[in-house]
């Protein structure tokens, strides 16, 4: 979600509703807040606002910061590595 968009909270609600409607409410997901104008105080405020939701471990980042992008990449790779099942087909 782009936190610069004033309707981002409604976008979260609609996405959550759609996932529930298609039976994917329990599927693992990651809430990603992006905005090049995000400051540390805004990051904390947004995280705390969503802390009671099942997506409390949201990522807040700026795509303009290489360290943020690298951190997101590491988190995604780690997630899929945990869920990865190796098998051999013949």
C-alpha atoms as a PDB file:
ATOM      1  CA  UNK A   1       0.000   0.000   0.000  1.00  0.00           C
ATOM      2  CA  UNK A   2       1.217   3.454  -0.830  1.00  0.00           C
ATOM      3  CA  UNK A   3       0.918   5.365   2.434  1.00  0.00           C
ATOM      4  CA  UNK A   4       0.904   8.650   0.512  1.00  0.00           C
ATOM      5  CA  UNK A   5      -2.517   7.696  -0.876  1.00  0.00           C
ATOM      6  CA  UNK A   6      -5.216   9.014   1.505  1.00  0.00           C
ATOM      7  CA  UNK A   7      -7.402   5.965   0.805  1.00  0.00           C
ATOM      8  CA  UNK A   8      -4.781   3.360   1.705  1.00  0.00           C
ATOM      9  CA  UNK A   9      -6.735   2.128   4.756  1.00  0.00           C
ATOM     10  CA  UNK A  10      -9.792   1.465   2.586  1.00  0.00           C
ATOM     11  CA  UNK A  11      -7.569  -0.373   0.094  1.00  0.00           C
ATOM     12  CA  UNK A  12      -6.410  -2.643   2.934  1.00  0.00           C
ATOM     13  CA  UNK A  13     -10.004  -3.311   3.965  1.00  0.00           C
ATOM     14  CA  UNK A  14     -11.126  -4.128   0.412  1.00  0.00           C
ATOM     15  CA  UNK A  15      -8.141  -6.431  -0.140  1.00  0.00           C
ATOM     16  CA  UNK A  16      -8.862  -8.243   3.125  1.00  0.00           C
ATOM     17  CA  UNK A  17     -12.536  -8.624   2.183  1.00  0.00           C
ATOM     18  CA  UNK A  18     -11.712 -10.020  -1.258  1.00  0.00           C
ATOM     19  CA  UNK A  19      -9.230 -12.512   0.192  1.00  0.00           C
ATOM     20  CA  UNK A  20     -11.925 -13.704   2.605  1.00  0.00           C
ATOM     21  CA  UNK A  21     -14.489 -13.988  -0.202  1.00  0.00           C
ATOM     22  CA  UNK A  22     -12.229 -16.214  -2.281  1.00  0.00           C
ATOM     23  CA  UNK A  23     -11.324 -18.415   0.683  1.00  0.00           C
ATOM     24  CA  UNK A  24      -7.809 -17.058   1.105  1.00  0.00           C
ATOM     25  CA  UNK A  25      -8.228 -15.331   4.468  1.00  0.00           C
ATOM     26  CA  UNK A  26      -5.834 -17.755   6.151  1.00  0.00           C
ATOM     27  CA  UNK A  27      -3.176 -17.655   3.423  1.00  0.00           C
ATOM     28  CA  UNK A  28       0.105 -16.128   4.560  1.00  0.00           C
ATOM     29  CA  UNK A  29       0.501 -12.548   3.436  1.00  0.00           C
ATOM     30  CA  UNK A  30       2.657  -9.558   4.016  1.00  0.00           C
ATOM     31  CA  UNK A  31       1.402  -6.006   4.311  1.00  0.00           C
ATOM     32  CA  UNK A  32       3.892  -3.667   2.696  1.00  0.00           C
ATOM     33  CA  UNK A  33       3.649   0.077   3.237  1.00  0.00           C
ATOM     34  CA  UNK A  34       5.608   2.109   0.711  1.00  0.00           C
ATOM     35  CA  UNK A  35       6.141   5.791   0.286  1.00  0.00           C
ATOM     36  CA  UNK A  36       9.170   7.823  -0.538  1.00  0.00           C
ATOM     37  CA  UNK A  37       7.950  10.476   1.918  1.00  0.00           C
ATOM     38  CA  UNK A  38       7.585   8.095   4.878  1.00  0.00           C
ATOM     39  CA  UNK A  39       9.385   9.329   7.970  1.00  0.00           C
ATOM     40  CA  UNK A  40      10.286   7.262  11.038  1.00  0.00           C
ATOM     41  CA  UNK A  41       7.462   8.746  13.123  1.00  0.00           C
ATOM     42  CA  UNK A  42       4.900   8.037  10.428  1.00  0.00           C
ATOM     43  CA  UNK A  43       6.229   4.480  10.185  1.00  0.00           C
ATOM     44  CA  UNK A  44       5.708   3.855  13.892  1.00  0.00           C
ATOM     45  CA  UNK A  45       2.249   5.427  13.845  1.00  0.00           C
ATOM     46  CA  UNK A  46       1.082   3.294  10.920  1.00  0.00           C
ATOM     47  CA  UNK A  47       2.466   0.107  12.430  1.00  0.00           C
ATOM     48  CA  UNK A  48       0.782   0.778  15.771  1.00  0.00           C
ATOM     49  CA  UNK A  49      -2.513   1.625  14.034  1.00  0.00           C
ATOM     50  CA  UNK A  50      -2.524  -1.849  12.472  1.00  0.00           C
ATOM     51  CA  UNK A  51      -1.045  -3.666  15.478  1.00  0.00           C
ATOM     52  CA  UNK A  52      -4.347  -5.299  16.445  1.00  0.00           C
ATOM     53  CA  UNK A  53      -4.802  -6.763  12.987  1.00  0.00           C
ATOM     54  CA  UNK A  54      -3.402 -10.113  11.837  1.00  0.00           C
ATOM     55  CA  UNK A  55      -0.997  -8.144   9.639  1.00  0.00           C
ATOM     56  CA  UNK A  56       0.813  -6.498  12.556  1.00  0.00           C
ATOM     57  CA  UNK A  57       4.205  -7.478  11.172  1.00  0.00           C
ATOM     58  CA  UNK A  58       3.800  -5.078   8.245  1.00  0.00           C
ATOM     59  CA  UNK A  59       6.866  -3.844   6.418  1.00  0.00           C
ATOM     60  CA  UNK A  60       7.290  -0.096   6.069  1.00  0.00           C
ATOM     61  CA  UNK A  61       9.849   0.899   3.481  1.00  0.00           C
ATOM     62  CA  UNK A  62      10.961   3.274   0.808  1.00  0.00           C
ATOM     63  CA  UNK A  63      11.735   1.809  -2.603  1.00  0.00           C
ATOM     64  CA  UNK A  64      14.286   4.596  -2.991  1.00  0.00           C
ATOM     65  CA  UNK A  65      16.419   3.145  -0.210  1.00  0.00           C
ATOM     66  CA  UNK A  66      18.528   0.193  -1.357  1.00  0.00           C
ATOM     67  CA  UNK A  67      18.757  -1.137   2.206  1.00  0.00           C
ATOM     68  CA  UNK A  68      14.948  -1.249   2.483  1.00  0.00           C
ATOM     69  CA  UNK A  69      14.643  -3.115  -0.819  1.00  0.00           C
ATOM     70  CA  UNK A  70      17.369  -5.569   0.218  1.00  0.00           C
ATOM     71  CA  UNK A  71      15.637  -6.167   3.542  1.00  0.00           C
ATOM     72  CA  UNK A  72      12.333  -6.882   1.786  1.00  0.00           C
ATOM     73  CA  UNK A  73      14.070  -9.264  -0.608  1.00  0.00           C
ATOM     74  CA  UNK A  74      15.665 -11.141   2.302  1.00  0.00           C
ATOM     75  CA  UNK A  75      12.314 -11.412   4.036  1.00  0.00           C
ATOM     76  CA  UNK A  76      10.604 -12.783   0.917  1.00  0.00           C
ATOM     77  CA  UNK A  77      13.393 -15.266   0.185  1.00  0.00           C
ATOM     78  CA  UNK A  78      13.262 -16.434   3.809  1.00  0.00           C
ATOM     79  CA  UNK A  79       9.504 -16.903   3.660  1.00  0.00           C
ATOM     80  CA  UNK A  80       9.603 -19.013   0.521  1.00  0.00           C
ATOM     81  CA  UNK A  81      12.616 -20.989   1.724  1.00  0.00           C
ATOM     82  CA  UNK A  82      10.649 -22.003   4.851  1.00  0.00           C
ATOM     83  CA  UNK A  83       7.672 -23.137   2.778  1.00  0.00           C
ATOM     84  CA  UNK A  84       9.736 -24.799   0.065  1.00  0.00           C
ATOM     85  CA  UNK A  85       9.436 -28.568  -0.254  1.00  0.00           C
ATOM     86  CA  UNK A  86      12.135 -30.277  -2.230  1.00  0.00           C
ATOM     87  CA  UNK A  87      11.189 -33.403  -4.123  1.00  0.00           C
ATOM     88  CA  UNK A  88      12.396 -35.420  -7.041  1.00  0.00           C
ATOM     89  CA  UNK A  89      10.186 -36.638  -9.868  1.00  0.00           C
ATOM     90  CA  UNK A  90      11.121 -39.449 -12.207  1.00  0.00           C
END
